[in-house]
Amino acid sequence: MKRPLIALAGTVWILIVMVVGWGIVRAADPALDTAKIEQLTGVKGELNTQEGVFKVSVPRTDLAVTTAGVKMTPPMGFTSWAAFQQAGTQTMVMGDIVLLEDQVNPVMSVALTNGIEVTALHNHFFWDSPKVMFMHIGGMGSTEALAGAVGKVFATIKETSGGKGSVPHAELDPAKTSLDPKPLEEILGTKGQMANGVYKVTIGRTTTMDGHEVGNTMGVNTWAAFVGSDDTAAVDGDFAMLESELQPVLKALRGAGINIVAIHQHMAMEAPRVIFLHYWGVGPTRALATGLKAALATQSK
C-alpha cells in the first residue's frame, strides 16, 4: 500500500508545483498601462479589477437623436467605448463606436489604416432621427499602438461631427443609364446582365449548412449593380466573405473610395462562416469596377 500512496503524493506535489508555477507566470504578465491608454486615447477610463479590463467611454453628447418621438441620451445606448485587456504579452481591444451615417466611412478608414479591425456595422434602433450606426471594432497588439489608433478614431469623430462627414451623392436615374458594360466585364472578369437600366454582376460562393452545400442561388454570393454613365455611375451590392477575408476586403473597398454601409451575417451555423458586407460607391464606372476587382482579388477562390 505504501507505493501507491507514495505515487499519489508525488502526483499531488507535481500538481501543486504546476499550479504555483502557473500563478508565477500569470503574475509575471505585464500589467496594462492605464495612464498610457488615457494619454493616447484622450479619454479618462475605468478599471474593472475583477476582469482586468480598462474601459474608456465617450458619450455622444453632441447628438440630438429622437427614436419614435423619444429623446435619446448617451446612457440609452449612445456612448462610444473601447475596452483594453492584457492577453499574455499583448493587449486586446474591443469596442463599439457610435456614428452618424456621414461619419461611418471616414472613421472606418482611420481605424483600418491604424491597425484596428472593423468587425460589424449595423443599426441598434428603428425610427431614430438622425439615423445612427454602430461600428464594432477589435484588435490585438501593443498597448501604445491600439490606444493610439483608438485615439485617432475618437478624434475623427470630433472632426466629422456636425455634418462634416462624407456623403457620396449623384443625381442618377436607371431609366437613363448609358454606361458601357464591356469595360466592366473586362475588369471584373465576368459577364453580367443589363435589365431596366441596371447592369448587375453576380459571383457565387459556397458553404455548408446541416451537411448540405449551399451556393449562389441560395444567396451565398457577391453582387454589384451599376447605374448611370461611364463618367458618373453608382454601384451598390453585397460581398460574401470568409471571416479571414473581411479586413482585406474592407481595406480594398475603402482604398478605392467605396463606402461600407453594413457588415453582418445572413445565416447561422454555416461552415465555413460567411460574413456579408453591403456597399455603395459613386464615380466613373471603370474606377468603381477597379475598386471592386481589388477587393475580389483579396479573396480565396
C-alpha atoms as a PDB file:
ATOM      1  CA  MET A   1       0.000   0.000   0.000  1.00  0.00           C
ATOM      2  CA  LYS A   2       2.930   2.322   0.597  1.00  0.00           C
ATOM      3  CA  ARG A   3       3.957   2.514  -3.060  1.00  0.00           C
ATOM      4  CA  PRO A   4       0.547   3.743  -4.368  1.00  0.00           C
ATOM      5  CA  LEU A   5       0.440   6.298  -1.555  1.00  0.00           C
ATOM      6  CA  ILE A   6       3.933   7.480  -2.419  1.00  0.00           C
ATOM      7  CA  ALA A   7       2.977   7.716  -6.116  1.00  0.00           C
ATOM      8  CA  LEU A   8      -0.188   9.657  -5.241  1.00  0.00           C
ATOM      9  CA  ALA A   9       1.758  12.045  -3.040  1.00  0.00           C
ATOM     10  CA  GLY A  10       4.222  12.596  -5.865  1.00  0.00           C
ATOM     11  CA  THR A  11       1.416  13.361  -8.287  1.00  0.00           C
ATOM     12  CA  VAL A  12      -0.164  15.830  -5.857  1.00  0.00           C
ATOM     13  CA  TRP A  13       3.210  17.511  -5.376  1.00  0.00           C
ATOM     14  CA  ILE A  14       3.661  17.867  -9.152  1.00  0.00           C
ATOM     15  CA  LEU A  15       0.187  19.414  -9.465  1.00  0.00           C
ATOM     16  CA  ILE A  16       0.958  21.880  -6.679  1.00  0.00           C
ATOM     17  CA  VAL A  17       4.196  22.879  -8.376  1.00  0.00           C
ATOM     18  CA  MET A  18       2.341  23.312 -11.702  1.00  0.00           C
ATOM     19  CA  VAL A  19      -0.368  25.496 -10.150  1.00  0.00           C
ATOM     20  CA  VAL A  20       2.121  27.636  -8.255  1.00  0.00           C
ATOM     21  CA  GLY A  21       4.272  27.919 -11.357  1.00  0.00           C
ATOM     22  CA  TRP A  22       1.266  28.955 -13.413  1.00  0.00           C
ATOM     23  CA  GLY A  23       0.479  31.600 -10.810  1.00  0.00           C
ATOM     24  CA  ILE A  24       4.035  32.914 -11.037  1.00  0.00           C
ATOM     25  CA  VAL A  25       3.796  33.104 -14.830  1.00  0.00           C
ATOM     26  CA  ARG A  26       0.435  34.878 -14.568  1.00  0.00           C
ATOM     27  CA  ALA A  27       1.892  37.294 -12.034  1.00  0.00           C
ATOM     28  CA  ALA A  28       4.741  37.981 -14.430  1.00  0.00           C
ATOM     29  CA  ASP A  29       2.327  39.067 -17.190  1.00  0.00           C
ATOM     30  CA  PRO A  30       2.747  42.788 -17.784  1.00  0.00           C
ATOM     31  CA  ALA A  31       0.007  44.985 -16.350  1.00  0.00           C
ATOM     32  CA  LEU A  32      -1.993  47.365 -18.502  1.00  0.00           C
ATOM     33  CA  ASP A  33      -0.521  50.836 -18.674  1.00  0.00           C
ATOM     34  CA  THR A  34      -3.774  52.654 -17.943  1.00  0.00           C
ATOM     35  CA  ALA A  35      -2.104  56.055 -17.836  1.00  0.00           C
ATOM     36  CA  LYS A  36      -0.727  55.492 -21.336  1.00  0.00           C
ATOM     37  CA  ILE A  37      -4.167  54.417 -22.589  1.00  0.00           C
ATOM     38  CA  GLU A  38      -5.738  57.592 -21.197  1.00  0.00           C
ATOM     39  CA  GLN A  39      -2.972  59.727 -22.666  1.00  0.00           C
ATOM     40  CA  LEU A  40      -3.202  58.226 -26.165  1.00  0.00           C
ATOM     41  CA  THR A  41      -6.979  57.970 -26.367  1.00  0.00           C
ATOM     42  CA  GLY A  42      -7.510  61.384 -24.798  1.00  0.00           C
ATOM     43  CA  VAL A  43     -10.209  59.886 -22.577  1.00  0.00           C
ATOM     44  CA  LYS A  44     -10.364  59.041 -18.880  1.00  0.00           C
ATOM     45  CA  GLY A  45     -11.119  55.388 -18.202  1.00  0.00           C
ATOM     46  CA  GLU A  46     -12.232  52.996 -15.519  1.00  0.00           C
ATOM     47  CA  LEU A  47     -10.516  49.773 -14.433  1.00  0.00           C
ATOM     48  CA  ASN A  48     -12.538  46.649 -13.678  1.00  0.00           C
ATOM     49  CA  THR A  49     -10.100  44.866 -11.370  1.00  0.00           C
ATOM     50  CA  GLN A  50     -12.092  41.626 -11.324  1.00  0.00           C
ATOM     51  CA  GLU A  51     -11.938  41.218 -15.109  1.00  0.00           C
ATOM     52  CA  GLY A  52      -8.673  43.073 -15.648  1.00  0.00           C
ATOM     53  CA  VAL A  53     -10.283  45.367 -18.213  1.00  0.00           C
ATOM     54  CA  PHE A  54      -9.697  49.092 -18.636  1.00  0.00           C
ATOM     55  CA  LYS A  55     -12.538  50.840 -20.460  1.00  0.00           C
ATOM     56  CA  VAL A  56     -12.663  54.329 -21.930  1.00  0.00           C
ATOM     57  CA  SER A  57     -16.020  55.812 -22.912  1.00  0.00           C
ATOM     58  CA  VAL A  58     -17.104  58.823 -24.958  1.00  0.00           C
ATOM     59  CA  PRO A  59     -20.800  59.742 -24.608  1.00  0.00           C
ATOM     60  CA  ARG A  60     -22.165  61.259 -27.838  1.00  0.00           C
ATOM     61  CA  THR A  61     -23.492  64.355 -26.087  1.00  0.00           C
ATOM     62  CA  ASP A  62     -23.167  66.242 -29.384  1.00  0.00           C
ATOM     63  CA  LEU A  63     -26.065  64.272 -30.884  1.00  0.00           C
ATOM     64  CA  ALA A  64     -29.736  65.230 -30.635  1.00  0.00           C
ATOM     65  CA  VAL A  65     -31.442  61.968 -31.544  1.00  0.00           C
ATOM     66  CA  THR A  66     -35.070  61.005 -31.158  1.00  0.00           C
ATOM     67  CA  THR A  67     -36.369  57.468 -31.622  1.00  0.00           C
ATOM     68  CA  ALA A  68     -40.084  57.269 -32.393  1.00  0.00           C
ATOM     69  CA  GLY A  69     -40.514  60.541 -30.509  1.00  0.00           C
ATOM     70  CA  VAL A  70     -38.328  59.559 -27.530  1.00  0.00           C
ATOM     71  CA  LYS A  71     -35.418  61.868 -26.744  1.00  0.00           C
ATOM     72  CA  MET A  72     -32.326  59.671 -26.574  1.00  0.00           C
ATOM     73  CA  THR A  73     -29.455  60.282 -24.150  1.00  0.00           C
ATOM     74  CA  PRO A  74     -25.995  58.609 -24.018  1.00  0.00           C
ATOM     75  CA  PRO A  75     -26.969  56.105 -21.272  1.00  0.00           C
ATOM     76  CA  MET A  76     -29.675  54.785 -23.612  1.00  0.00           C
ATOM     77  CA  GLY A  77     -27.021  53.380 -25.942  1.00  0.00           C
ATOM     78  CA  PHE A  78     -25.298  56.404 -27.483  1.00  0.00           C
ATOM     79  CA  THR A  79     -21.833  56.067 -25.945  1.00  0.00           C
ATOM     80  CA  SER A  80     -18.720  55.066 -27.879  1.00  0.00           C
ATOM     81  CA  TRP A  81     -16.339  52.861 -25.906  1.00  0.00           C
ATOM     82  CA  ALA A  82     -13.160  50.827 -26.154  1.00  0.00           C
ATOM     83  CA  ALA A  83     -12.093  48.186 -23.628  1.00  0.00           C
ATOM     84  CA  PHE A  84      -8.481  47.057 -23.191  1.00  0.00           C
ATOM     85  CA  GLN A  85      -7.353  43.767 -21.665  1.00  0.00           C
ATOM     86  CA  GLN A  86      -3.962  42.163 -21.269  1.00  0.00           C
ATOM     87  CA  ALA A  87      -3.613  38.976 -23.343  1.00  0.00           C
ATOM     88  CA  GLY A  88      -0.251  37.433 -22.476  1.00  0.00           C
ATOM     89  CA  THR A  89       2.429  39.822 -23.700  1.00  0.00           C
ATOM     90  CA  GLN A  90      -0.030  41.653 -25.957  1.00  0.00           C
ATOM     91  CA  THR A  91      -3.057  43.836 -25.435  1.00  0.00           C
ATOM     92  CA  MET A  92      -6.538  43.181 -26.792  1.00  0.00           C
ATOM     93  CA  VAL A  93      -9.071  45.893 -27.577  1.00  0.00           C
ATOM     94  CA  MET A  94     -12.775  45.626 -28.305  1.00  0.00           C
ATOM     95  CA  GLY A  95     -15.275  48.420 -28.712  1.00  0.00           C
ATOM     96  CA  ASP A  96     -18.420  49.923 -30.158  1.00  0.00           C
ATOM     97  CA  ILE A  97     -18.346  53.269 -31.942  1.00  0.00           C
ATOM     98  CA  VAL A  98     -21.469  55.449 -32.282  1.00  0.00           C
ATOM     99  CA  LEU A  99     -21.625  57.271 -35.616  1.00  0.00           C
ATOM    100  CA  LEU A 100     -23.937  59.248 -37.831  1.00  0.00           C
ATOM    101  CA  GLU A 101     -24.133  57.954 -41.410  1.00  0.00           C
ATOM    102  CA  ASP A 102     -21.761  60.571 -42.822  1.00  0.00           C
ATOM    103  CA  GLN A 103     -19.145  59.691 -40.178  1.00  0.00           C
ATOM    104  CA  VAL A 104     -19.027  55.939 -40.730  1.00  0.00           C
ATOM    105  CA  ASN A 105     -16.585  55.696 -43.617  1.00  0.00           C
ATOM    106  CA  PRO A 106     -14.139  58.459 -42.591  1.00  0.00           C
ATOM    107  CA  VAL A 107     -13.914  56.879 -39.133  1.00  0.00           C
ATOM    108  CA  MET A 108     -13.668  53.361 -40.561  1.00  0.00           C
ATOM    109  CA  SER A 109     -10.778  54.362 -42.818  1.00  0.00           C
ATOM    110  CA  VAL A 110      -8.880  55.795 -39.850  1.00  0.00           C
ATOM    111  CA  ALA A 111      -9.455  52.598 -37.858  1.00  0.00           C
ATOM    112  CA  LEU A 112      -8.328  50.326 -40.692  1.00  0.00           C
ATOM    113  CA  THR A 113      -5.218  52.320 -41.589  1.00  0.00           C
ATOM    114  CA  ASN A 114      -4.127  52.350 -37.946  1.00  0.00           C
ATOM    115  CA  GLY A 115      -4.336  48.628 -37.279  1.00  0.00           C
ATOM    116  CA  ILE A 116      -7.843  48.377 -35.833  1.00  0.00           C
ATOM    117  CA  GLU A 117     -10.181  45.723 -37.228  1.00  0.00           C
ATOM    118  CA  VAL A 118     -13.789  46.557 -38.054  1.00  0.00           C
ATOM    119  CA  THR A 119     -15.962  43.545 -37.202  1.00  0.00           C
ATOM    120  CA  ALA A 120     -19.558  44.732 -37.613  1.00  0.00           C
ATOM    121  CA  LEU A 121     -21.560  47.722 -38.831  1.00  0.00           C
ATOM    122  CA  HIS A 122     -25.287  47.953 -38.250  1.00  0.00           C
ATOM    123  CA  ASN A 123     -28.130  49.823 -36.591  1.00  0.00           C
ATOM    124  CA  HIS A 124     -29.241  49.317 -32.996  1.00  0.00           C
ATOM    125  CA  PHE A 125     -32.563  51.153 -33.352  1.00  0.00           C
ATOM    126  CA  PHE A 126     -35.543  51.717 -35.633  1.00  0.00           C
ATOM    127  CA  TRP A 127     -37.119  55.130 -36.203  1.00  0.00           C
ATOM    128  CA  ASP A 128     -34.116  57.093 -34.938  1.00  0.00           C
ATOM    129  CA  SER A 129     -33.593  60.580 -36.365  1.00  0.00           C
ATOM    130  CA  PRO A 130     -30.927  61.346 -37.390  1.00  0.00           C
ATOM    131  CA  LYS A 131     -30.034  57.730 -38.189  1.00  0.00           C
ATOM    132  CA  VAL A 132     -27.261  56.327 -36.005  1.00  0.00           C
ATOM    133  CA  MET A 133     -24.956  53.457 -36.947  1.00  0.00           C
ATOM    134  CA  PHE A 134     -22.795  51.338 -34.669  1.00  0.00           C
ATOM    135  CA  MET A 135     -19.345  50.175 -35.740  1.00  0.00           C
ATOM    136  CA  HIS A 136     -17.799  47.365 -33.706  1.00  0.00           C
ATOM    137  CA  ILE A 137     -14.021  47.207 -33.546  1.00  0.00           C
ATOM    138  CA  GLY A 138     -11.300  44.875 -32.292  1.00  0.00           C
ATOM    139  CA  GLY A 139      -7.579  44.364 -32.353  1.00  0.00           C
ATOM    140  CA  MET A 140      -4.518  42.745 -30.837  1.00  0.00           C
ATOM    141  CA  GLY A 141      -1.107  44.343 -30.441  1.00  0.00           C
ATOM    142  CA  SER A 142       0.842  46.703 -28.241  1.00  0.00           C
ATOM    143  CA  THR A 143      -0.966  48.987 -25.832  1.00  0.00           C
ATOM    144  CA  GLU A 144       0.613  52.032 -27.451  1.00  0.00           C
ATOM    145  CA  ALA A 145      -0.440  51.098 -30.989  1.00  0.00           C
ATOM    146  CA  LEU A 146      -4.011  50.167 -30.078  1.00  0.00           C
ATOM    147  CA  ALA A 147      -4.622  53.109 -27.755  1.00  0.00           C
ATOM    148  CA  GLY A 148      -3.120  55.478 -30.316  1.00  0.00           C
ATOM    149  CA  ALA A 149      -5.415  54.095 -33.010  1.00  0.00           C
ATOM    150  CA  VAL A 150      -8.483  54.395 -30.783  1.00  0.00           C
ATOM    151  CA  GLY A 151      -7.446  57.969 -30.000  1.00  0.00           C
ATOM    152  CA  LYS A 152      -7.402  58.743 -33.735  1.00  0.00           C
ATOM    153  CA  VAL A 153     -10.855  57.183 -34.093  1.00  0.00           C
ATOM    154  CA  PHE A 154     -12.215  59.392 -31.310  1.00  0.00           C
ATOM    155  CA  ALA A 155     -10.501  62.442 -32.830  1.00  0.00           C
ATOM    156  CA  THR A 156     -12.042  61.741 -36.237  1.00  0.00           C
ATOM    157  CA  ILE A 157     -15.487  61.533 -34.664  1.00  0.00           C
ATOM    158  CA  LYS A 158     -14.991  65.062 -33.330  1.00  0.00           C
ATOM    159  CA  GLU A 159     -13.646  66.310 -36.657  1.00  0.00           C
ATOM    160  CA  THR A 160     -16.619  64.954 -38.624  1.00  0.00           C
ATOM    161  CA  SER A 161     -19.316  65.869 -36.108  1.00  0.00           C
ATOM    162  CA  GLY A 162     -21.974  68.373 -37.096  1.00  0.00           C
ATOM    163  CA  GLY A 163     -22.393  67.281 -40.712  1.00  0.00           C
ATOM    164  CA  LYS A 164     -18.690  67.426 -41.615  1.00  0.00           C
ATOM    165  CA  GLY A 165     -18.523  63.796 -42.738  1.00  0.00           C
ATOM    166  CA  SER A 166     -18.824  62.478 -46.300  1.00  0.00           C
ATOM    167  CA  VAL A 167     -21.960  61.752 -48.325  1.00  0.00           C
ATOM    168  CA  PRO A 168     -21.383  60.426 -51.874  1.00  0.00           C
ATOM    169  CA  HIS A 169     -24.126  61.983 -53.993  1.00  0.00           C
ATOM    170  CA  ALA A 170     -25.168  61.711 -57.635  1.00  0.00           C
ATOM    171  CA  GLU A 171     -28.383  62.563 -59.468  1.00  0.00           C
ATOM    172  CA  LEU A 172     -28.938  59.350 -61.443  1.00  0.00           C
ATOM    173  CA  ASP A 173     -31.962  57.605 -62.905  1.00  0.00           C
ATOM    174  CA  PRO A 174     -31.695  53.935 -64.010  1.00  0.00           C
ATOM    175  CA  ALA A 175     -34.093  54.743 -66.858  1.00  0.00           C
ATOM    176  CA  LYS A 176     -31.344  56.948 -68.314  1.00  0.00           C
ATOM    177  CA  THR A 177     -28.420  54.562 -67.861  1.00  0.00           C
ATOM    178  CA  SER A 178     -25.908  54.801 -70.705  1.00  0.00           C
ATOM    179  CA  LEU A 179     -22.828  53.044 -69.330  1.00  0.00           C
ATOM    180  CA  ASP A 180     -20.960  50.535 -71.500  1.00  0.00           C
ATOM    181  CA  PRO A 181     -20.903  47.085 -69.832  1.00  0.00           C
ATOM    182  CA  LYS A 182     -17.838  45.845 -71.765  1.00  0.00           C
ATOM    183  CA  PRO A 183     -15.178  47.609 -69.654  1.00  0.00           C
ATOM    184  CA  LEU A 184     -16.911  46.329 -66.515  1.00  0.00           C
ATOM    185  CA  GLU A 185     -16.824  42.771 -67.822  1.00  0.00           C
ATOM    186  CA  GLU A 186     -13.156  43.094 -68.740  1.00  0.00           C
ATOM    187  CA  ILE A 187     -12.160  44.474 -65.348  1.00  0.00           C
ATOM    188  CA  LEU A 188     -14.299  42.151 -63.214  1.00  0.00           C
ATOM    189  CA  GLY A 189     -13.556  39.117 -65.363  1.00  0.00           C
ATOM    190  CA  THR A 190     -17.166  38.003 -65.560  1.00  0.00           C
ATOM    191  CA  LYS A 191     -20.277  38.823 -67.551  1.00  0.00           C
ATOM    192  CA  GLY A 192     -23.376  40.418 -66.120  1.00  0.00           C
ATOM    193  CA  GLN A 193     -26.857  41.308 -67.309  1.00  0.00           C
ATOM    194  CA  MET A 194     -28.465  44.631 -68.196  1.00  0.00           C
ATOM    195  CA  ALA A 195     -32.131  44.929 -67.185  1.00  0.00           C
ATOM    196  CA  ASN A 196     -34.249  48.053 -66.645  1.00  0.00           C
ATOM    197  CA  GLY A 197     -31.191  50.314 -66.753  1.00  0.00           C
ATOM    198  CA  VAL A 198     -29.266  48.301 -64.140  1.00  0.00           C
ATOM    199  CA  TYR A 199     -26.158  46.317 -65.065  1.00  0.00           C
ATOM    200  CA  LYS A 200     -25.698  43.544 -62.500  1.00  0.00           C
ATOM    201  CA  VAL A 201     -22.876  41.073 -61.928  1.00  0.00           C
ATOM    202  CA  THR A 202     -23.186  38.128 -59.538  1.00  0.00           C
ATOM    203  CA  ILE A 203     -20.347  35.887 -58.335  1.00  0.00           C
ATOM    204  CA  GLY A 204     -21.351  32.796 -56.367  1.00  0.00           C
ATOM    205  CA  ARG A 205     -19.599  31.152 -53.432  1.00  0.00           C
ATOM    206  CA  THR A 206     -20.383  28.044 -51.397  1.00  0.00           C
ATOM    207  CA  THR A 207     -20.650  26.945 -47.791  1.00  0.00           C
ATOM    208  CA  THR A 208     -22.460  24.145 -45.979  1.00  0.00           C
ATOM    209  CA  MET A 209     -25.486  24.136 -43.687  1.00  0.00           C
ATOM    210  CA  ASP A 210     -26.714  21.000 -41.922  1.00  0.00           C
ATOM    211  CA  GLY A 211     -24.317  18.995 -44.067  1.00  0.00           C
ATOM    212  CA  HIS A 212     -25.685  20.359 -47.345  1.00  0.00           C
ATOM    213  CA  GLU A 213     -23.783  22.592 -49.743  1.00  0.00           C
ATOM    214  CA  VAL A 214     -25.453  25.952 -50.395  1.00  0.00           C
ATOM    215  CA  GLY A 215     -24.333  28.404 -53.034  1.00  0.00           C
ATOM    216  CA  ASN A 216     -25.138  31.229 -55.404  1.00  0.00           C
ATOM    217  CA  THR A 217     -28.877  30.791 -55.865  1.00  0.00           C
ATOM    218  CA  MET A 218     -29.394  30.248 -52.130  1.00  0.00           C
ATOM    219  CA  GLY A 219     -27.898  33.704 -51.534  1.00  0.00           C
ATOM    220  CA  VAL A 220     -24.219  32.929 -50.946  1.00  0.00           C
ATOM    221  CA  ASN A 221     -22.842  35.414 -53.453  1.00  0.00           C
ATOM    222  CA  THR A 222     -21.119  38.694 -54.138  1.00  0.00           C
ATOM    223  CA  TRP A 223     -23.001  41.038 -56.443  1.00  0.00           C
ATOM    224  CA  ALA A 224     -22.684  44.535 -57.899  1.00  0.00           C
ATOM    225  CA  ALA A 225     -25.379  46.655 -59.554  1.00  0.00           C
ATOM    226  CA  PHE A 226     -24.337  49.671 -61.690  1.00  0.00           C
ATOM    227  CA  VAL A 227     -26.473  52.566 -62.957  1.00  0.00           C
ATOM    228  CA  GLY A 228     -25.506  55.813 -64.709  1.00  0.00           C
ATOM    229  CA  SER A 229     -22.941  56.692 -67.344  1.00  0.00           C
ATOM    230  CA  ASP A 230     -19.295  55.833 -67.973  1.00  0.00           C
ATOM    231  CA  ASP A 231     -18.290  59.138 -66.360  1.00  0.00           C
ATOM    232  CA  THR A 232     -20.630  59.078 -63.353  1.00  0.00           C
ATOM    233  CA  ALA A 233     -22.197  55.922 -62.007  1.00  0.00           C
ATOM    234  CA  ALA A 234     -23.436  54.487 -58.741  1.00  0.00           C
ATOM    235  CA  VAL A 235     -22.773  50.941 -57.638  1.00  0.00           C
ATOM    236  CA  ASP A 236     -24.313  49.074 -54.750  1.00  0.00           C
ATOM    237  CA  GLY A 237     -24.017  45.481 -53.743  1.00  0.00           C
ATOM    238  CA  ASP A 238     -23.032  42.774 -51.316  1.00  0.00           C
ATOM    239  CA  PHE A 239     -19.765  40.927 -50.663  1.00  0.00           C
ATOM    240  CA  ALA A 240     -19.785  37.357 -49.339  1.00  0.00           C
ATOM    241  CA  MET A 241     -16.584  36.716 -47.389  1.00  0.00           C
ATOM    242  CA  LEU A 242     -14.906  34.230 -45.121  1.00  0.00           C
ATOM    243  CA  GLU A 243     -14.073  35.739 -41.737  1.00  0.00           C
ATOM    244  CA  SER A 244     -10.381  35.832 -42.660  1.00  0.00           C
ATOM    245  CA  GLU A 245     -11.213  37.888 -45.769  1.00  0.00           C
ATOM    246  CA  LEU A 246     -13.218  40.650 -44.086  1.00  0.00           C
ATOM    247  CA  GLN A 247     -10.378  43.040 -43.210  1.00  0.00           C
ATOM    248  CA  PRO A 248      -8.600  42.805 -46.614  1.00  0.00           C
ATOM    249  CA  VAL A 249     -11.898  43.374 -48.454  1.00  0.00           C
ATOM    250  CA  LEU A 250     -12.732  46.356 -46.239  1.00  0.00           C
ATOM    251  CA  LYS A 251      -9.318  47.906 -46.840  1.00  0.00           C
ATOM    252  CA  ALA A 252      -9.543  47.395 -50.602  1.00  0.00           C
ATOM    253  CA  LEU A 253     -13.003  48.934 -50.877  1.00  0.00           C
ATOM    254  CA  ARG A 254     -12.196  51.896 -48.645  1.00  0.00           C
ATOM    255  CA  GLY A 255      -8.924  52.371 -50.517  1.00  0.00           C
ATOM    256  CA  ALA A 256     -10.999  52.749 -53.683  1.00  0.00           C
ATOM    257  CA  GLY A 257     -13.342  55.265 -52.051  1.00  0.00           C
ATOM    258  CA  ILE A 258     -16.252  52.815 -51.927  1.00  0.00           C
ATOM    259  CA  ASN A 259     -18.440  53.243 -48.861  1.00  0.00           C
ATOM    260  CA  ILE A 260     -19.337  50.425 -46.471  1.00  0.00           C
ATOM    261  CA  VAL A 261     -22.933  50.560 -45.256  1.00  0.00           C
ATOM    262  CA  ALA A 262     -23.352  47.278 -43.321  1.00  0.00           C
ATOM    263  CA  ILE A 263     -21.359  44.293 -42.054  1.00  0.00           C
ATOM    264  CA  HIS A 264     -23.256  41.319 -40.649  1.00  0.00           C
ATOM    265  CA  GLN A 265     -24.205  37.673 -41.147  1.00  0.00           C
ATOM    266  CA  HIS A 266     -27.079  36.349 -43.273  1.00  0.00           C
ATOM    267  CA  MET A 267     -27.036  32.798 -41.898  1.00  0.00           C
ATOM    268  CA  ALA A 268     -26.342  30.855 -38.728  1.00  0.00           C
ATOM    269  CA  MET A 269     -24.393  27.625 -38.125  1.00  0.00           C
ATOM    270  CA  GLU A 270     -22.889  27.542 -41.632  1.00  0.00           C
ATOM    271  CA  ALA A 271     -19.367  26.181 -42.177  1.00  0.00           C
ATOM    272  CA  PRO A 272     -17.208  27.911 -43.132  1.00  0.00           C
ATOM    273  CA  ARG A 273     -18.802  31.006 -41.652  1.00  0.00           C
ATOM    274  CA  VAL A 274     -19.701  33.655 -44.225  1.00  0.00           C
ATOM    275  CA  ILE A 275     -19.793  37.379 -43.442  1.00  0.00           C
ATOM    276  CA  PHE A 276     -21.703  39.790 -45.682  1.00  0.00           C
ATOM    277  CA  LEU A 277     -20.739  43.362 -46.416  1.00  0.00           C
ATOM    278  CA  HIS A 278     -23.029  45.867 -48.158  1.00  0.00           C
ATOM    279  CA  TYR A 279     -21.501  48.813 -50.001  1.00  0.00           C
ATOM    280  CA  TRP A 280     -22.255  51.965 -52.008  1.00  0.00           C
ATOM    281  CA  GLY A 281     -19.995  53.837 -54.404  1.00  0.00           C
ATOM    282  CA  VAL A 282     -20.219  56.814 -56.754  1.00  0.00           C
ATOM    283  CA  GLY A 283     -17.713  57.629 -59.520  1.00  0.00           C
ATOM    284  CA  PRO A 284     -16.571  56.656 -63.021  1.00  0.00           C
ATOM    285  CA  THR A 285     -17.596  53.097 -63.858  1.00  0.00           C
ATOM    286  CA  ARG A 286     -14.003  51.996 -64.531  1.00  0.00           C
ATOM    287  CA  ALA A 287     -12.819  53.311 -61.171  1.00  0.00           C
ATOM    288  CA  LEU A 288     -15.665  51.611 -59.317  1.00  0.00           C
ATOM    289  CA  ALA A 289     -15.079  48.311 -61.110  1.00  0.00           C
ATOM    290  CA  THR A 290     -11.337  48.502 -60.430  1.00  0.00           C
ATOM    291  CA  GLY A 291     -12.047  49.007 -56.722  1.00  0.00           C
ATOM    292  CA  LEU A 292     -14.350  46.003 -56.649  1.00  0.00           C
ATOM    293  CA  LYS A 293     -11.778  43.911 -58.515  1.00  0.00           C
ATOM    294  CA  ALA A 294      -9.132  44.825 -55.930  1.00  0.00           C
ATOM    295  CA  ALA A 295     -11.452  43.595 -53.181  1.00  0.00           C
ATOM    296  CA  LEU A 296     -12.250  40.389 -55.064  1.00  0.00           C
ATOM    297  CA  ALA A 297      -8.523  39.763 -55.530  1.00  0.00           C
ATOM    298  CA  THR A 298      -8.061  39.513 -51.739  1.00  0.00           C
ATOM    299  CA  GLN A 299     -10.404  36.538 -51.520  1.00  0.00           C
ATOM    300  CA  SER A 300      -9.603  32.858 -51.842  1.00  0.00           C
ATOM    301  CA  LYS A 301     -11.223  31.046 -54.718  1.00  0.00           C
END
